[in-house]
Amino acid sequence: MLHVASAATRRRRCALALATMIACGAATLARAEVHVEGNPAAVRVTIAHAAVADVLSALAMSFRITYRTSVPLDATADATYVGSLGQVMSRLLAGYNYVAKTEGGTTEIVILGRRGEIAIPPPAPKPAPTFMSRWR
């Protein structure tokens, strides 16, 4: 005996499967959260399962911050930081080597790498030949 599902039943099953996949995907995306409150003198940052890059982006939207990095900032943070903007940045970037400069109310941050990693500089360029070196 062969049972053939009607087209309407197949559509309902597909719709249910699609709705389940969307709900699961949305739940995964909704878990990462960053909340920024206060001013540069007194900041409160609440982080739930967010990458350091996401936290820096949220801080850049709330304050006058720019940042550059040579390494991925994919480490996740799950904490609450309270203090001045400098103190919060120091705690957030504790696992990284970085330089911060504040000028005219704008803070520029350059992240150089992860703490403990050894940077290997590129080989020094060979000097260009001089006029005298060609006449040996």
C-alpha atoms as a PDB file:
ATOM      1  CA  MET A   1       0.000   0.000   0.000  1.00  0.00           C
ATOM      2  CA  LEU A   2       1.519   3.306  -1.079  1.00  0.00           C
ATOM      3  CA  HIS A   3       0.676   6.540   0.748  1.00  0.00           C
ATOM      4  CA  VAL A   4       1.217   9.716  -1.229  1.00  0.00           C
ATOM      5  CA  ALA A   5       1.265  12.990   0.684  1.00  0.00           C
ATOM      6  CA  SER A   6      -0.753  15.783  -0.827  1.00  0.00           C
ATOM      7  CA  ALA A   7       0.921  18.952  -2.043  1.00  0.00           C
ATOM      8  CA  ALA A   8      -0.651  20.925   0.818  1.00  0.00           C
ATOM      9  CA  THR A   9       0.825  18.521   3.404  1.00  0.00           C
ATOM     10  CA  ARG A  10       4.285  18.797   1.844  1.00  0.00           C
ATOM     11  CA  ARG A  11       4.063  22.594   1.849  1.00  0.00           C
ATOM     12  CA  ARG A  12       3.088  22.582   5.542  1.00  0.00           C
ATOM     13  CA  ARG A  13       6.031  20.317   6.396  1.00  0.00           C
ATOM     14  CA  CYS A  14       8.444  22.526   4.440  1.00  0.00           C
ATOM     15  CA  ALA A  15       7.061  25.671   6.077  1.00  0.00           C
ATOM     16  CA  LEU A  16       7.419  24.098   9.538  1.00  0.00           C
ATOM     17  CA  ALA A  17      11.010  23.039   8.802  1.00  0.00           C
ATOM     18  CA  LEU A  18      11.855  26.516   7.480  1.00  0.00           C
ATOM     19  CA  ALA A  19      10.291  28.229  10.504  1.00  0.00           C
ATOM     20  CA  THR A  20      12.254  25.957  12.841  1.00  0.00           C
ATOM     21  CA  MET A  21      15.542  26.725  11.061  1.00  0.00           C
ATOM     22  CA  ILE A  22      14.883  30.474  11.173  1.00  0.00           C
ATOM     23  CA  ALA A  23      13.962  30.361  14.865  1.00  0.00           C
ATOM     24  CA  CYS A  24      17.131  28.424  15.724  1.00  0.00           C
ATOM     25  CA  GLY A  25      19.286  30.810  13.704  1.00  0.00           C
ATOM     26  CA  ALA A  26      17.698  33.886  15.270  1.00  0.00           C
ATOM     27  CA  ALA A  27      18.229  32.466  18.755  1.00  0.00           C
ATOM     28  CA  THR A  28      21.925  31.988  18.003  1.00  0.00           C
ATOM     29  CA  LEU A  29      22.321  35.536  16.696  1.00  0.00           C
ATOM     30  CA  ALA A  30      20.381  37.126  19.542  1.00  0.00           C
ATOM     31  CA  ARG A  31      22.714  35.801  22.236  1.00  0.00           C
ATOM     32  CA  ALA A  32      25.539  38.287  21.522  1.00  0.00           C
ATOM     33  CA  GLU A  33      24.779  41.593  23.238  1.00  0.00           C
ATOM     34  CA  VAL A  34      26.683  44.770  24.066  1.00  0.00           C
ATOM     35  CA  HIS A  35      25.164  47.605  26.119  1.00  0.00           C
ATOM     36  CA  VAL A  36      27.074  50.867  26.597  1.00  0.00           C
ATOM     37  CA  GLU A  37      25.957  53.490  29.117  1.00  0.00           C
ATOM     38  CA  GLY A  38      27.443  56.690  30.485  1.00  0.00           C
ATOM     39  CA  ASN A  39      30.084  59.148  29.372  1.00  0.00           C
ATOM     40  CA  PRO A  40      33.886  58.901  28.956  1.00  0.00           C
ATOM     41  CA  ALA A  41      34.432  59.691  32.657  1.00  0.00           C
ATOM     42  CA  ALA A  42      32.013  56.993  33.883  1.00  0.00           C
ATOM     43  CA  VAL A  43      31.218  54.133  31.483  1.00  0.00           C
ATOM     44  CA  ARG A  44      29.314  50.904  32.068  1.00  0.00           C
ATOM     45  CA  VAL A  45      29.652  48.229  29.380  1.00  0.00           C
ATOM     46  CA  THR A  46      27.665  45.008  29.731  1.00  0.00           C
ATOM     47  CA  ILE A  47      28.763  42.245  27.367  1.00  0.00           C
ATOM     48  CA  ALA A  48      27.097  38.881  26.756  1.00  0.00           C
ATOM     49  CA  HIS A  49      28.862  36.458  24.369  1.00  0.00           C
ATOM     50  CA  ALA A  50      30.173  39.202  22.069  1.00  0.00           C
ATOM     51  CA  ALA A  51      33.498  39.339  20.235  1.00  0.00           C
ATOM     52  CA  VAL A  52      35.966  42.041  21.262  1.00  0.00           C
ATOM     53  CA  ALA A  53      35.555  43.583  17.777  1.00  0.00           C
ATOM     54  CA  ASP A  54      31.803  43.946  18.412  1.00  0.00           C
ATOM     55  CA  VAL A  55      32.450  45.642  21.760  1.00  0.00           C
ATOM     56  CA  LEU A  56      34.908  48.081  20.183  1.00  0.00           C
ATOM     57  CA  SER A  57      32.381  48.863  17.450  1.00  0.00           C
ATOM     58  CA  ALA A  58      29.712  49.569  20.073  1.00  0.00           C
ATOM     59  CA  LEU A  59      32.112  51.834  21.972  1.00  0.00           C
ATOM     60  CA  ALA A  60      33.051  53.612  18.728  1.00  0.00           C
ATOM     61  CA  MET A  61      29.365  54.316  18.070  1.00  0.00           C
ATOM     62  CA  SER A  62      28.863  55.713  21.588  1.00  0.00           C
ATOM     63  CA  PHE A  63      32.108  57.684  21.935  1.00  0.00           C
ATOM     64  CA  ARG A  64      34.698  59.273  19.677  1.00  0.00           C
ATOM     65  CA  ILE A  65      36.864  56.175  19.197  1.00  0.00           C
ATOM     66  CA  THR A  66      38.643  54.823  16.149  1.00  0.00           C
ATOM     67  CA  TYR A  67      40.589  51.589  16.097  1.00  0.00           C
ATOM     68  CA  ARG A  68      42.838  49.595  13.784  1.00  0.00           C
ATOM     69  CA  THR A  69      44.058  46.067  14.237  1.00  0.00           C
ATOM     70  CA  SER A  70      46.486  43.691  12.607  1.00  0.00           C
ATOM     71  CA  VAL A  71      44.961  40.606  14.260  1.00  0.00           C
ATOM     72  CA  PRO A  72      41.395  39.291  14.382  1.00  0.00           C
ATOM     73  CA  LEU A  73      39.548  40.389  17.512  1.00  0.00           C
ATOM     74  CA  ASP A  74      37.420  37.258  17.710  1.00  0.00           C
ATOM     75  CA  ALA A  75      37.929  36.460  21.408  1.00  0.00           C
ATOM     76  CA  THR A  76      34.555  36.570  23.141  1.00  0.00           C
ATOM     77  CA  ALA A  77      33.870  38.700  26.169  1.00  0.00           C
ATOM     78  CA  ASP A  78      31.209  38.011  28.762  1.00  0.00           C
ATOM     79  CA  ALA A  79      31.508  40.591  31.524  1.00  0.00           C
ATOM     80  CA  THR A  80      30.503  43.971  32.867  1.00  0.00           C
ATOM     81  CA  TYR A  81      33.117  46.725  32.927  1.00  0.00           C
ATOM     82  CA  VAL A  82      32.656  49.907  34.949  1.00  0.00           C
ATOM     83  CA  GLY A  83      35.038  52.875  35.148  1.00  0.00           C
ATOM     84  CA  SER A  84      36.468  55.572  32.953  1.00  0.00           C
ATOM     85  CA  LEU A  85      36.690  54.884  29.246  1.00  0.00           C
ATOM     86  CA  GLY A  86      40.434  54.274  29.589  1.00  0.00           C
ATOM     87  CA  GLN A  87      39.921  51.766  32.418  1.00  0.00           C
ATOM     88  CA  VAL A  88      37.213  49.905  30.485  1.00  0.00           C
ATOM     89  CA  MET A  89      39.385  49.757  27.352  1.00  0.00           C
ATOM     90  CA  SER A  90      42.330  48.498  29.416  1.00  0.00           C
ATOM     91  CA  ARG A  91      40.261  45.632  30.860  1.00  0.00           C
ATOM     92  CA  LEU A  92      38.662  44.777  27.518  1.00  0.00           C
ATOM     93  CA  LEU A  93      42.008  44.658  25.698  1.00  0.00           C
ATOM     94  CA  ALA A  94      43.923  42.911  28.512  1.00  0.00           C
ATOM     95  CA  GLY A  95      44.890  40.017  26.211  1.00  0.00           C
ATOM     96  CA  TYR A  96      46.280  42.263  23.473  1.00  0.00           C
ATOM     97  CA  ASN A  97      49.272  44.552  22.921  1.00  0.00           C
ATOM     98  CA  TYR A  98      47.909  47.942  21.925  1.00  0.00           C
ATOM     99  CA  VAL A  99      48.633  51.650  21.845  1.00  0.00           C
ATOM    100  CA  ALA A 100      46.017  54.297  22.642  1.00  0.00           C
ATOM    101  CA  LYS A 101      46.232  58.007  21.940  1.00  0.00           C
ATOM    102  CA  THR A 102      43.687  60.620  22.961  1.00  0.00           C
ATOM    103  CA  GLU A 103      43.767  63.970  21.234  1.00  0.00           C
ATOM    104  CA  GLY A 104      41.045  66.573  20.970  1.00  0.00           C
ATOM    105  CA  GLY A 105      38.452  64.294  22.581  1.00  0.00           C
ATOM    106  CA  THR A 106      39.054  61.481  20.085  1.00  0.00           C
ATOM    107  CA  THR A 107      40.716  58.241  21.149  1.00  0.00           C
ATOM    108  CA  GLU A 108      42.660  56.259  18.558  1.00  0.00           C
ATOM    109  CA  ILE A 109      43.541  52.648  19.390  1.00  0.00           C
ATOM    110  CA  VAL A 110      46.003  50.504  17.436  1.00  0.00           C
ATOM    111  CA  ILE A 111      45.976  46.808  18.361  1.00  0.00           C
ATOM    112  CA  LEU A 112      49.363  45.286  17.513  1.00  0.00           C
ATOM    113  CA  GLY A 113      48.767  41.645  18.380  1.00  0.00           C
ATOM    114  CA  ARG A 114      47.889  39.199  21.110  1.00  0.00           C
ATOM    115  CA  ARG A 115      49.853  39.433  24.316  1.00  0.00           C
ATOM    116  CA  GLY A 116      52.621  36.834  24.455  1.00  0.00           C
ATOM    117  CA  GLU A 117      52.963  36.417  20.691  1.00  0.00           C
ATOM    118  CA  ILE A 118      56.310  37.221  19.151  1.00  0.00           C
ATOM    119  CA  ALA A 119      56.207  39.586  16.211  1.00  0.00           C
ATOM    120  CA  ILE A 120      58.528  38.649  13.372  1.00  0.00           C
ATOM    121  CA  PRO A 121      59.644  41.776  11.527  1.00  0.00           C
ATOM    122  CA  PRO A 122      60.054  41.653   7.757  1.00  0.00           C
ATOM    123  CA  PRO A 123      63.631  41.459   6.466  1.00  0.00           C
ATOM    124  CA  ALA A 124      65.375  44.781   6.124  1.00  0.00           C
ATOM    125  CA  PRO A 125      65.458  46.088   2.550  1.00  0.00           C
ATOM    126  CA  LYS A 126      68.814  46.012   0.788  1.00  0.00           C
ATOM    127  CA  PRO A 127      70.334  49.455   0.351  1.00  0.00           C
ATOM    128  CA  ALA A 128      70.209  50.907  -3.106  1.00  0.00           C
ATOM    129  CA  PRO A 129      73.547  50.878  -4.947  1.00  0.00           C
ATOM    130  CA  THR A 130      75.407  54.160  -4.789  1.00  0.00           C
ATOM    131  CA  PHE A 131      77.560  55.719  -7.474  1.00  0.00           C
ATOM    132  CA  MET A 132      80.787  54.731  -5.699  1.00  0.00           C
ATOM    133  CA  SER A 133      79.750  51.094  -5.177  1.00  0.00           C
ATOM    134  CA  ARG A 134      79.520  50.587  -8.936  1.00  0.00           C
ATOM    135  CA  TRP A 135      83.186  51.618  -9.511  1.00  0.00           C
ATOM    136  CA  ARG A 136      85.001  48.983  -7.487  1.00  0.00           C
END
